[in-house]
Amino acid sequence: MEELIQSLKVNIIEQLNLVDMTPEQIADDEILFGGGLGLDSIDALEIIVMLERKYGVKINNQDEGKVALRSIRSIAEYIESKKA
């Protein structure tokens, strides 16, 4: 799972154009929205599109998204659960 977490960090930084941030600066369990990284709903949409394109995973509804997009680790766990 660590390889997936690192991949997610790199892809999120690229997708959201976080030019001043490195993967090492993002904690695996850091809250992504409403604190932590301070991402917003537009960022969430961009992450959802990236997950579909790069990982073949689709988030089907808002409740699922709230759980899946909580942190980098929760995204990785979501991807692994969908691939299983």
Protein backbone atom coordinates (compact mmCIF):
# COMPACT_ATOMS: atom_id res chain seq x y z
CA MET A 1 0.00 0.00 0.00
CA GLU A 2 2.93 2.37 0.60
CA GLU A 3 3.72 2.44 -3.12
CA LEU A 4 0.09 3.35 -3.89
CA ILE A 5 0.14 6.11 -1.23
CA GLN A 6 3.30 7.63 -2.74
CA SER A 7 1.79 7.42 -6.22
CA LEU A 8 -1.37 9.16 -5.02
CA LYS A 9 0.62 11.97 -3.42
CA VAL A 10 2.56 12.60 -6.63
CA ASN A 11 -0.56 12.43 -8.80
CA ILE A 12 -2.57 14.74 -6.53
CA ILE A 13 0.24 17.30 -6.44
CA GLU A 14 0.38 17.22 -10.25
CA GLN A 15 -3.41 17.22 -10.74
CA LEU A 16 -4.01 20.14 -8.38
CA ASN A 17 -0.90 22.04 -9.48
CA LEU A 18 0.49 22.25 -5.94
CA VAL A 19 3.86 23.46 -7.20
CA ASP A 20 5.33 24.36 -3.81
CA MET A 21 4.49 21.00 -2.24
CA THR A 22 6.38 17.70 -2.18
CA PRO A 23 4.97 14.24 -1.43
CA GLU A 24 6.95 14.19 1.82
CA GLN A 25 5.02 17.23 3.07
CA ILE A 26 1.69 15.39 2.92
CA ALA A 27 1.03 13.07 5.85
CA ASP A 28 -0.73 9.84 4.90
CA ASP A 29 -3.58 10.52 7.35
CA GLU A 30 -3.76 14.31 6.96
CA ILE A 31 -7.30 15.63 6.43
CA LEU A 32 -7.54 16.85 2.84
CA PHE A 33 -10.64 19.08 3.04
CA GLY A 34 -11.71 21.71 5.58
CA GLY A 35 -8.32 21.78 7.29
CA GLY A 36 -5.10 19.93 6.64
CA LEU A 37 -4.34 20.70 3.02
CA GLY A 38 -7.34 23.02 2.81
CA LEU A 39 -8.67 21.64 -0.45
CA ASP A 40 -12.13 22.64 -1.72
CA SER A 41 -14.96 21.12 -3.76
CA ILE A 42 -13.29 21.96 -7.09
CA ASP A 43 -10.19 20.08 -5.90
CA ALA A 44 -12.42 17.13 -4.96
CA LEU A 45 -13.81 17.00 -8.50
CA GLU A 46 -10.31 17.06 -9.94
CA ILE A 47 -9.22 14.23 -7.63
CA ILE A 48 -12.29 12.18 -8.59
CA VAL A 49 -11.49 12.61 -12.30
CA MET A 50 -7.84 11.68 -11.65
CA LEU A 51 -8.90 8.53 -9.76
CA GLU A 52 -11.07 7.45 -12.68
CA ARG A 53 -8.37 8.09 -15.28
CA LYS A 54 -5.27 6.83 -13.50
CA TYR A 55 -6.65 4.14 -11.20
CA GLY A 56 -9.88 3.06 -12.92
CA VAL A 57 -11.89 3.74 -9.77
CA LYS A 58 -15.21 5.58 -9.77
CA ILE A 59 -16.79 7.24 -6.73
CA ASN A 60 -20.53 6.74 -7.12
CA ASN A 61 -22.08 9.15 -4.64
CA GLN A 62 -21.37 11.97 -2.20
CA ASP A 63 -21.42 9.78 0.92
CA GLU A 64 -18.92 7.39 -0.61
CA GLY A 65 -16.77 10.35 -1.62
CA LYS A 66 -16.73 11.83 1.88
CA VAL A 67 -15.31 8.60 3.28
CA ALA A 68 -12.93 7.88 0.41
CA LEU A 69 -11.50 11.40 0.09
CA ARG A 70 -10.81 11.99 3.79
CA SER A 71 -7.04 11.46 3.50
CA ILE A 72 -4.41 9.97 1.19
CA ARG A 73 -4.58 6.71 3.15
CA SER A 74 -8.39 6.55 2.86
CA ILE A 75 -8.11 7.06 -0.92
CA ALA A 76 -5.56 4.24 -1.13
CA GLU A 77 -7.80 1.97 0.95
CA TYR A 78 -10.75 2.83 -1.28
CA ILE A 79 -8.79 1.99 -4.43
CA GLU A 80 -7.65 -1.32 -2.98
CA SER A 81 -11.18 -2.23 -1.88
CA LYS A 82 -12.52 -1.56 -5.40
CA LYS A 83 -9.72 -3.56 -7.04
CA ALA A 84 -10.26 -6.57 -4.76
